[in-house]
Amino acid sequence: MCYENPLYLAEEAAALDLFSDQRLALGISRGSPEPALRGWEAFGYEDHTEPKAANMAREKFDRFLRAIRGEELASADPQQFGPGPDLPK
């Protein structure tokens, strides 16, 4: 989970759940222990507090769970779409 995009993973899981008639059983882990010294930097990640795969995975897993629960993670840009019933006027 540490190097995955949580929103892409939520989208893929939702599609698989539909295809499988809601029988998807998804297993998620943070990944194996980091084999490379400061390996997260090779993937372009920075964590100034404690850069460990487990910490990055926890944050991404939380965002993944919020996405599959249907929580609003971002608002539509009214400049692009104009005001609507769900957008601020």
PDB file of N, CA and C in Angstrom:
ATOM      1  N   MET A   1       0.810  -1.191   0.000  1.00  0.00           N
ATOM      2  CA  MET A   1       0.000   0.000   0.000  1.00  0.00           C
ATOM      3  C   MET A   1       0.856   1.259   0.000  1.00  0.00           C
ATOM      4  N   CYS A   2       2.096   1.157   0.463  1.00  0.00           N
ATOM      5  CA  CYS A   2       2.872   2.396   0.634  1.00  0.00           C
ATOM      6  C   CYS A   2       3.162   3.107  -0.678  1.00  0.00           C
ATOM      7  N   TYR A   3       3.306   2.404  -1.786  1.00  0.00           N
ATOM      8  CA  TYR A   3       3.604   3.072  -3.055  1.00  0.00           C
ATOM      9  C   TYR A   3       2.404   3.102  -4.000  1.00  0.00           C
ATOM     10  N   GLU A   4       1.228   2.706  -3.522  1.00  0.00           N
ATOM     11  CA  GLU A   4       0.022   2.710  -4.335  1.00  0.00           C
ATOM     12  C   GLU A   4      -0.694   4.051  -4.216  1.00  0.00           C
ATOM     13  N   ASN A   5      -1.406   4.411  -5.267  1.00  0.00           N
ATOM     14  CA  ASN A   5      -2.291   5.566  -5.222  1.00  0.00           C
ATOM     15  C   ASN A   5      -3.604   5.082  -4.617  1.00  0.00           C
ATOM     16  N   PRO A   6      -3.997   5.577  -3.430  1.00  0.00           N
ATOM     17  CA  PRO A   6      -5.177   5.039  -2.763  1.00  0.00           C
ATOM     18  C   PRO A   6      -6.482   5.282  -3.522  1.00  0.00           C
ATOM     19  N   LEU A   7      -6.569   6.380  -4.260  1.00  0.00           N
ATOM     20  CA  LEU A   7      -7.794   6.666  -4.999  1.00  0.00           C
ATOM     21  C   LEU A   7      -7.912   5.768  -6.231  1.00  0.00           C
ATOM     22  N   TYR A   8      -6.796   5.499  -6.889  1.00  0.00           N
ATOM     23  CA  TYR A   8      -6.809   4.564  -8.022  1.00  0.00           C
ATOM     24  C   TYR A   8      -7.179   3.161  -7.531  1.00  0.00           C
ATOM     25  N   LEU A   9      -6.614   2.770  -6.401  1.00  0.00           N
ATOM     26  CA  LEU A   9      -6.905   1.453  -5.852  1.00  0.00           C
ATOM     27  C   LEU A   9      -8.382   1.339  -5.470  1.00  0.00           C
ATOM     28  N   ALA A  10      -8.961   2.393  -4.906  1.00  0.00           N
ATOM     29  CA  ALA A  10     -10.391   2.383  -4.558  1.00  0.00           C
ATOM     30  C   ALA A  10     -11.248   2.251  -5.816  1.00  0.00           C
ATOM     31  N   GLU A  11     -10.865   2.952  -6.877  1.00  0.00           N
ATOM     32  CA  GLU A  11     -11.605   2.867  -8.133  1.00  0.00           C
ATOM     33  C   GLU A  11     -11.535   1.449  -8.707  1.00  0.00           C
ATOM     34  N   GLU A  12     -10.363   0.859  -8.707  1.00  0.00           N
ATOM     35  CA  GLU A  12     -10.194  -0.500  -9.215  1.00  0.00           C
ATOM     36  C   GLU A  12     -10.968  -1.514  -8.362  1.00  0.00           C
ATOM     37  N   ALA A  13     -10.929  -1.345  -7.044  1.00  0.00           N
ATOM     38  CA  ALA A  13     -11.650  -2.253  -6.161  1.00  0.00           C
ATOM     39  C   ALA A  13     -13.156  -2.147  -6.388  1.00  0.00           C
ATOM     40  N   ALA A  14     -13.651  -0.933  -6.582  1.00  0.00           N
ATOM     41  CA  ALA A  14     -15.084  -0.747  -6.828  1.00  0.00           C
ATOM     42  C   ALA A  14     -15.499  -1.415  -8.137  1.00  0.00           C
ATOM     43  N   ALA A  15     -14.691  -1.287  -9.164  1.00  0.00           N
ATOM     44  CA  ALA A  15     -15.003  -1.924 -10.450  1.00  0.00           C
ATOM     45  C   ALA A  15     -14.991  -3.447 -10.305  1.00  0.00           C
ATOM     46  N   LEU A  16     -13.997  -3.988  -9.636  1.00  0.00           N
ATOM     47  CA  LEU A  16     -13.934  -5.443  -9.428  1.00  0.00           C
ATOM     48  C   LEU A  16     -15.113  -5.932  -8.597  1.00  0.00           C
ATOM     49  N   ASP A  17     -15.537  -5.129  -7.628  1.00  0.00           N
ATOM     50  CA  ASP A  17     -16.674  -5.503  -6.805  1.00  0.00           C
ATOM     51  C   ASP A  17     -17.941  -5.604  -7.660  1.00  0.00           C
ATOM     52  N   LEU A  18     -18.100  -4.688  -8.604  1.00  0.00           N
ATOM     53  CA  LEU A  18     -19.243  -4.744  -9.507  1.00  0.00           C
ATOM     54  C   LEU A  18     -19.177  -5.969 -10.411  1.00  0.00           C
ATOM     55  N   PHE A  19     -18.000  -6.225 -10.975  1.00  0.00           N
ATOM     56  CA  PHE A  19     -17.840  -7.372 -11.876  1.00  0.00           C
ATOM     57  C   PHE A  19     -18.058  -8.703 -11.158  1.00  0.00           C
ATOM     58  N   SER A  20     -17.716  -8.752  -9.889  1.00  0.00           N
ATOM     59  CA  SER A  20     -17.814 -10.010  -9.140  1.00  0.00           C
ATOM     60  C   SER A  20     -19.142 -10.155  -8.407  1.00  0.00           C
ATOM     61  N   ASP A  21     -20.106  -9.308  -8.740  1.00  0.00           N
ATOM     62  CA  ASP A  21     -21.423  -9.344  -8.092  1.00  0.00           C
ATOM     63  C   ASP A  21     -21.285  -9.182  -6.581  1.00  0.00           C
ATOM     64  N   GLN A  22     -20.458  -8.244  -6.172  1.00  0.00           N
ATOM     65  CA  GLN A  22     -20.190  -7.875  -4.770  1.00  0.00           C
ATOM     66  C   GLN A  22     -19.619  -9.030  -3.949  1.00  0.00           C
ATOM     67  N   ARG A  23     -18.754  -9.814  -4.579  1.00  0.00           N
ATOM     68  CA  ARG A  23     -18.100 -10.913  -3.865  1.00  0.00           C
ATOM     69  C   ARG A  23     -16.608 -10.659  -3.719  1.00  0.00           C
ATOM     70  N   LEU A  24     -16.173  -9.432  -3.904  1.00  0.00           N
ATOM     71  CA  LEU A  24     -14.750  -9.114  -3.813  1.00  0.00           C
ATOM     72  C   LEU A  24     -14.270  -9.233  -2.372  1.00  0.00           C
ATOM     73  N   ALA A  25     -13.213  -9.954  -2.178  1.00  0.00           N
ATOM     74  CA  ALA A  25     -12.539 -10.048  -0.880  1.00  0.00           C
ATOM     75  C   ALA A  25     -11.137  -9.491  -1.096  1.00  0.00           C
ATOM     76  N   LEU A  26     -10.894  -8.317  -0.615  1.00  0.00           N
ATOM     77  CA  LEU A  26      -9.656  -7.602  -0.887  1.00  0.00           C
ATOM     78  C   LEU A  26      -8.722  -7.689   0.308  1.00  0.00           C
ATOM     79  N   GLY A  27      -7.500  -8.076   0.070  1.00  0.00           N
ATOM     80  CA  GLY A  27      -6.477  -8.093   1.110  1.00  0.00           C
ATOM     81  C   GLY A  27      -5.473  -6.982   0.847  1.00  0.00           C
ATOM     82  N   ILE A  28      -5.181  -6.205   1.853  1.00  0.00           N
ATOM     83  CA  ILE A  28      -4.270  -5.067   1.692  1.00  0.00           C
ATOM     84  C   ILE A  28      -3.208  -5.127   2.775  1.00  0.00           C
ATOM     85  N   SER A  29      -1.975  -4.869   2.377  1.00  0.00           N
ATOM     86  CA  SER A  29      -0.889  -4.782   3.357  1.00  0.00           C
ATOM     87  C   SER A  29      -0.040  -3.562   3.040  1.00  0.00           C
ATOM     88  N   ARG A  30       0.832  -3.235   3.931  1.00  0.00           N
ATOM     89  CA  ARG A  30       1.717  -2.087   3.703  1.00  0.00           C
ATOM     90  C   ARG A  30       2.834  -2.443   2.745  1.00  0.00           C
ATOM     91  N   GLY A  31       3.021  -3.720   2.492  1.00  0.00           N
ATOM     92  CA  GLY A  31       4.114  -4.166   1.637  1.00  0.00           C
ATOM     93  C   GLY A  31       5.195  -4.815   2.478  1.00  0.00           C
ATOM     94  N   SER A  32       6.152  -5.380   1.812  1.00  0.00           N
ATOM     95  CA  SER A  32       7.240  -6.042   2.529  1.00  0.00           C
ATOM     96  C   SER A  32       8.167  -5.002   3.145  1.00  0.00           C
ATOM     97  N   PRO A  33       9.004  -5.420   4.086  1.00  0.00           N
ATOM     98  CA  PRO A  33       9.974  -4.473   4.644  1.00  0.00           C
ATOM     99  C   PRO A  33      10.819  -3.867   3.530  1.00  0.00           C
ATOM    100  N   GLU A  34      11.165  -2.623   3.699  1.00  0.00           N
ATOM    101  CA  GLU A  34      11.906  -1.881   2.681  1.00  0.00           C
ATOM    102  C   GLU A  34      13.291  -2.492   2.483  1.00  0.00           C
ATOM    103  N   PRO A  35      13.575  -3.071   1.300  1.00  0.00           N
ATOM    104  CA  PRO A  35      14.873  -3.696   1.072  1.00  0.00           C
ATOM    105  C   PRO A  35      15.992  -2.691   0.792  1.00  0.00           C
ATOM    106  N   ALA A  36      15.638  -1.506   0.352  1.00  0.00           N
ATOM    107  CA  ALA A  36      16.647  -0.505   0.005  1.00  0.00           C
ATOM    108  C   ALA A  36      16.724   0.562   1.088  1.00  0.00           C
ATOM    109  N   LEU A  37      17.917   0.993   1.392  1.00  0.00           N
ATOM    110  CA  LEU A  37      18.108   2.082   2.343  1.00  0.00           C
ATOM    111  C   LEU A  37      17.455   3.334   1.782  1.00  0.00           C
ATOM    112  N   ARG A  38      16.508   3.903   2.524  1.00  0.00           N
ATOM    113  CA  ARG A  38      15.767   5.105   2.106  1.00  0.00           C
ATOM    114  C   ARG A  38      15.121   4.889   0.728  1.00  0.00           C
ATOM    115  N   GLY A  39      14.579   3.690   0.539  1.00  0.00           N
ATOM    116  CA  GLY A  39      13.990   3.313  -0.743  1.00  0.00           C
ATOM    117  C   GLY A  39      12.823   4.181  -1.162  1.00  0.00           C
ATOM    118  N   TRP A  40      12.079   4.733  -0.202  1.00  0.00           N
ATOM    119  CA  TRP A  40      10.939   5.582  -0.545  1.00  0.00           C
ATOM    120  C   TRP A  40      11.364   6.765  -1.398  1.00  0.00           C
ATOM    121  N   GLU A  41      12.592   7.243  -1.212  1.00  0.00           N
ATOM    122  CA  GLU A  41      13.072   8.381  -2.001  1.00  0.00           C
ATOM    123  C   GLU A  41      13.210   8.007  -3.479  1.00  0.00           C
ATOM    124  N   ALA A  42      13.545   6.728  -3.760  1.00  0.00           N
ATOM    125  CA  ALA A  42      13.658   6.287  -5.149  1.00  0.00           C
ATOM    126  C   ALA A  42      12.307   6.361  -5.861  1.00  0.00           C
ATOM    127  N   PHE A  43      11.221   6.277  -5.090  1.00  0.00           N
ATOM    128  CA  PHE A  43       9.889   6.359  -5.661  1.00  0.00           C
ATOM    129  C   PHE A  43       9.320   7.776  -5.594  1.00  0.00           C
ATOM    130  N   GLY A  44      10.115   8.726  -5.142  1.00  0.00           N
ATOM    131  CA  GLY A  44       9.697  10.123  -5.131  1.00  0.00           C
ATOM    132  C   GLY A  44       8.874  10.544  -3.931  1.00  0.00           C
ATOM    133  N   TYR A  45       8.937   9.808  -2.828  1.00  0.00           N
ATOM    134  CA  TYR A  45       8.175  10.150  -1.640  1.00  0.00           C
ATOM    135  C   TYR A  45       9.065  10.828  -0.615  1.00  0.00           C
ATOM    136  N   GLU A  46       8.462  11.756   0.107  1.00  0.00           N
ATOM    137  CA  GLU A  46       9.182  12.425   1.194  1.00  0.00           C
ATOM    138  C   GLU A  46       8.287  12.457   2.417  1.00  0.00           C
ATOM    139  N   ASP A  47       8.846  12.126   3.549  1.00  0.00           N
ATOM    140  CA  ASP A  47       8.147  12.225   4.829  1.00  0.00           C
ATOM    141  C   ASP A  47       9.167  12.777   5.799  1.00  0.00           C
ATOM    142  N   HIS A  48       8.998  14.033   6.154  1.00  0.00           N
ATOM    143  CA  HIS A  48      10.001  14.685   6.974  1.00  0.00           C
ATOM    144  C   HIS A  48       9.904  14.297   8.451  1.00  0.00           C
ATOM    145  N   THR A  49       8.784  13.686   8.848  1.00  0.00           N
ATOM    146  CA  THR A  49       8.655  13.318  10.252  1.00  0.00           C
ATOM    147  C   THR A  49       9.252  11.945  10.529  1.00  0.00           C
ATOM    148  N   GLU A  50       8.821  10.944   9.799  1.00  0.00           N
ATOM    149  CA  GLU A  50       9.353   9.590   9.963  1.00  0.00           C
ATOM    150  C   GLU A  50       9.088   8.820   8.679  1.00  0.00           C
ATOM    151  N   PRO A  51      10.019   8.849   7.747  1.00  0.00           N
ATOM    152  CA  PRO A  51       9.784   8.247   6.423  1.00  0.00           C
ATOM    153  C   PRO A  51       9.923   6.730   6.426  1.00  0.00           C
ATOM    154  N   LYS A  52       8.881   6.055   6.849  1.00  0.00           N
ATOM    155  CA  LYS A  52       8.896   4.601   6.834  1.00  0.00           C
ATOM    156  C   LYS A  52       7.705   4.111   6.032  1.00  0.00           C
ATOM    157  N   ALA A  53       7.871   2.985   5.394  1.00  0.00           N
ATOM    158  CA  ALA A  53       6.810   2.425   4.559  1.00  0.00           C
ATOM    159  C   ALA A  53       5.523   2.230   5.352  1.00  0.00           C
ATOM    160  N   ALA A  54       5.626   1.809   6.591  1.00  0.00           N
ATOM    161  CA  ALA A  54       4.425   1.575   7.397  1.00  0.00           C
ATOM    162  C   ALA A  54       3.646   2.863   7.606  1.00  0.00           C
ATOM    163  N   ASN A  55       4.324   3.963   7.847  1.00  0.00           N
ATOM    164  CA  ASN A  55       3.638   5.240   8.050  1.00  0.00           C
ATOM    165  C   ASN A  55       2.961   5.711   6.775  1.00  0.00           C
ATOM    166  N   MET A  56       3.650   5.589   5.645  1.00  0.00           N
ATOM    167  CA  MET A  56       3.062   5.997   4.377  1.00  0.00           C
ATOM    168  C   MET A  56       1.849   5.121   4.072  1.00  0.00           C
ATOM    169  N   ALA A  57       1.938   3.838   4.363  1.00  0.00           N
ATOM    170  CA  ALA A  57       0.838   2.919   4.085  1.00  0.00           C
ATOM    171  C   ALA A  57      -0.375   3.246   4.943  1.00  0.00           C
ATOM    172  N   ARG A  58      -0.157   3.602   6.207  1.00  0.00           N
ATOM    173  CA  ARG A  58      -1.285   3.936   7.084  1.00  0.00           C
ATOM    174  C   ARG A  58      -2.067   5.122   6.547  1.00  0.00           C
ATOM    175  N   GLU A  59      -1.387   6.175   6.146  1.00  0.00           N
ATOM    176  CA  GLU A  59      -2.048   7.364   5.609  1.00  0.00           C
ATOM    177  C   GLU A  59      -2.814   7.031   4.330  1.00  0.00           C
ATOM    178  N   LYS A  60      -2.205   6.262   3.453  1.00  0.00           N
ATOM    179  CA  LYS A  60      -2.856   5.919   2.191  1.00  0.00           C
ATOM    180  C   LYS A  60      -4.028   4.963   2.413  1.00  0.00           C
ATOM    181  N   PHE A  61      -3.894   4.053   3.368  1.00  0.00           N
ATOM    182  CA  PHE A  61      -4.994   3.143   3.660  1.00  0.00           C
ATOM    183  C   PHE A  61      -6.185   3.910   4.221  1.00  0.00           C
ATOM    184  N   ASP A  62      -5.926   4.908   5.060  1.00  0.00           N
ATOM    185  CA  ASP A  62      -7.001   5.740   5.588  1.00  0.00           C
ATOM    186  C   ASP A  62      -7.727   6.460   4.448  1.00  0.00           C
ATOM    187  N   ARG A  63      -6.976   7.004   3.511  1.00  0.00           N
ATOM    188  CA  ARG A  63      -7.596   7.685   2.370  1.00  0.00           C
ATOM    189  C   ARG A  63      -8.369   6.693   1.491  1.00  0.00           C
ATOM    190  N   PHE A  64      -7.815   5.503   1.305  1.00  0.00           N
ATOM    191  CA  PHE A  64      -8.495   4.445   0.555  1.00  0.00           C
ATOM    192  C   PHE A  64      -9.841   4.107   1.201  1.00  0.00           C
ATOM    193  N   LEU A  65      -9.847   3.921   2.522  1.00  0.00           N
ATOM    194  CA  LEU A  65     -11.093   3.592   3.219  1.00  0.00           C
ATOM    195  C   LEU A  65     -12.118   4.713   3.078  1.00  0.00           C
ATOM    196  N   ARG A  66     -11.667   5.964   3.198  1.00  0.00           N
ATOM    197  CA  ARG A  66     -12.595   7.082   3.044  1.00  0.00           C
ATOM    198  C   ARG A  66     -13.182   7.104   1.637  1.00  0.00           C
ATOM    199  N   ALA A  67     -12.381   6.761   0.639  1.00  0.00           N
ATOM    200  CA  ALA A  67     -12.861   6.768  -0.748  1.00  0.00           C
ATOM    201  C   ALA A  67     -13.898   5.673  -0.978  1.00  0.00           C
ATOM    202  N   ILE A  68     -13.647   4.458  -0.485  1.00  0.00           N
ATOM    203  CA  ILE A  68     -14.602   3.381  -0.740  1.00  0.00           C
ATOM    204  C   ILE A  68     -15.858   3.522   0.112  1.00  0.00           C
ATOM    205  N   ARG A  69     -15.790   4.301   1.175  1.00  0.00           N
ATOM    206  CA  ARG A  69     -16.994   4.588   1.972  1.00  0.00           C
ATOM    207  C   ARG A  69     -17.859   5.668   1.323  1.00  0.00           C
ATOM    208  N   GLY A  70     -17.298   6.312   0.307  1.00  0.00           N
ATOM    209  CA  GLY A  70     -18.059   7.345  -0.387  1.00  0.00           C
ATOM    210  C   GLY A  70     -17.936   8.725   0.217  1.00  0.00           C
ATOM    211  N   GLU A  71     -16.960   8.935   1.086  1.00  0.00           N
ATOM    212  CA  GLU A  71     -16.765  10.257   1.673  1.00  0.00           C
ATOM    213  C   GLU A  71     -16.280  11.231   0.609  1.00  0.00           C
ATOM    214  N   GLU A  72     -16.671  12.477   0.729  1.00  0.00           N
ATOM    215  CA  GLU A  72     -16.206  13.492  -0.216  1.00  0.00           C
ATOM    216  C   GLU A  72     -14.740  13.789   0.076  1.00  0.00           C
ATOM    217  N   LEU A  73     -13.898  13.608  -0.916  1.00  0.00           N
ATOM    218  CA  LEU A  73     -12.466  13.838  -0.749  1.00  0.00           C
ATOM    219  C   LEU A  73     -12.016  15.115  -1.432  1.00  0.00           C
ATOM    220  N   ALA A  74     -12.833  15.625  -2.347  1.00  0.00           N
ATOM    221  CA  ALA A  74     -12.504  16.869  -3.050  1.00  0.00           C
ATOM    222  C   ALA A  74     -13.802  17.466  -3.577  1.00  0.00           C
ATOM    223  N   SER A  75     -13.845  18.765  -3.638  1.00  0.00           N
ATOM    224  CA  SER A  75     -15.016  19.458  -4.179  1.00  0.00           C
ATOM    225  C   SER A  75     -14.783  19.793  -5.639  1.00  0.00           C
ATOM    226  N   ALA A  76     -15.881  19.856  -6.405  1.00  0.00           N
ATOM    227  CA  ALA A  76     -15.779  20.250  -7.815  1.00  0.00           C
ATOM    228  C   ALA A  76     -15.400  21.721  -7.899  1.00  0.00           C
ATOM    229  N   ASP A  77     -14.670  22.077  -8.919  1.00  0.00           N
ATOM    230  CA  ASP A  77     -14.247  23.458  -9.142  1.00  0.00           C
ATOM    231  C   ASP A  77     -15.385  24.223  -9.816  1.00  0.00           C
ATOM    232  N   PRO A  78     -16.036  25.171  -9.124  1.00  0.00           N
ATOM    233  CA  PRO A  78     -17.146  25.894  -9.733  1.00  0.00           C
ATOM    234  C   PRO A  78     -16.708  26.756 -10.920  1.00  0.00           C
ATOM    235  N   GLN A  79     -15.444  27.118 -10.998  1.00  0.00           N
ATOM    236  CA  GLN A  79     -14.933  27.874 -12.141  1.00  0.00           C
ATOM    237  C   GLN A  79     -15.011  27.033 -13.417  1.00  0.00           C
ATOM    238  N   GLN A  80     -14.826  25.744 -13.265  1.00  0.00           N
ATOM    239  CA  GLN A  80     -14.836  24.857 -14.418  1.00  0.00           C
ATOM    240  C   GLN A  80     -16.242  24.354 -14.747  1.00  0.00           C
ATOM    241  N   PHE A  81     -17.035  24.062 -13.723  1.00  0.00           N
ATOM    242  CA  PHE A  81     -18.328  23.439 -13.950  1.00  0.00           C
ATOM    243  C   PHE A  81     -19.510  24.367 -13.687  1.00  0.00           C
ATOM    244  N   GLY A  82     -19.284  25.529 -13.095  1.00  0.00           N
ATOM    245  CA  GLY A  82     -20.374  26.447 -12.770  1.00  0.00           C
ATOM    246  C   GLY A  82     -21.112  25.981 -11.534  1.00  0.00           C
ATOM    247  N   PRO A  83     -21.865  26.884 -10.902  1.00  0.00           N
ATOM    248  CA  PRO A  83     -22.596  26.488  -9.700  1.00  0.00           C
ATOM    249  C   PRO A  83     -23.705  25.500 -10.038  1.00  0.00           C
ATOM    250  N   GLY A  84     -23.935  24.596  -9.167  1.00  0.00           N
ATOM    251  CA  GLY A  84     -24.977  23.605  -9.348  1.00  0.00           C
ATOM    252  C   GLY A  84     -25.581  23.283  -8.007  1.00  0.00           C
ATOM    253  N   PRO A  85     -26.457  22.294  -7.946  1.00  0.00           N
ATOM    254  CA  PRO A  85     -27.107  21.986  -6.683  1.00  0.00           C
ATOM    255  C   PRO A  85     -26.156  21.523  -5.590  1.00  0.00           C
ATOM    256  N   ASP A  86     -25.041  20.911  -5.984  1.00  0.00           N
ATOM    257  CA  ASP A  86     -24.079  20.419  -4.987  1.00  0.00           C
ATOM    258  C   ASP A  86     -22.861  21.310  -4.856  1.00  0.00           C
ATOM    259  N   LEU A  87     -22.839  22.423  -5.578  1.00  0.00           N
ATOM    260  CA  LEU A  87     -21.673  23.300  -5.556  1.00  0.00           C
ATOM    261  C   LEU A  87     -22.024  24.608  -4.862  1.00  0.00           C
ATOM    262  N   PRO A  88     -21.060  25.207  -4.179  1.00  0.00           N
ATOM    263  CA  PRO A  88     -21.325  26.510  -3.560  1.00  0.00           C
ATOM    264  C   PRO A  88     -21.600  27.564  -4.635  1.00  0.00           C
ATOM    265  N   LYS A  89     -22.473  28.491  -4.319  1.00  0.00           N
ATOM    266  CA  LYS A  89     -22.823  29.554  -5.290  1.00  0.00           C
ATOM    267  C   LYS A  89     -21.941  30.747  -5.090  1.00  0.00           C
TER     268      LYS A  89
END
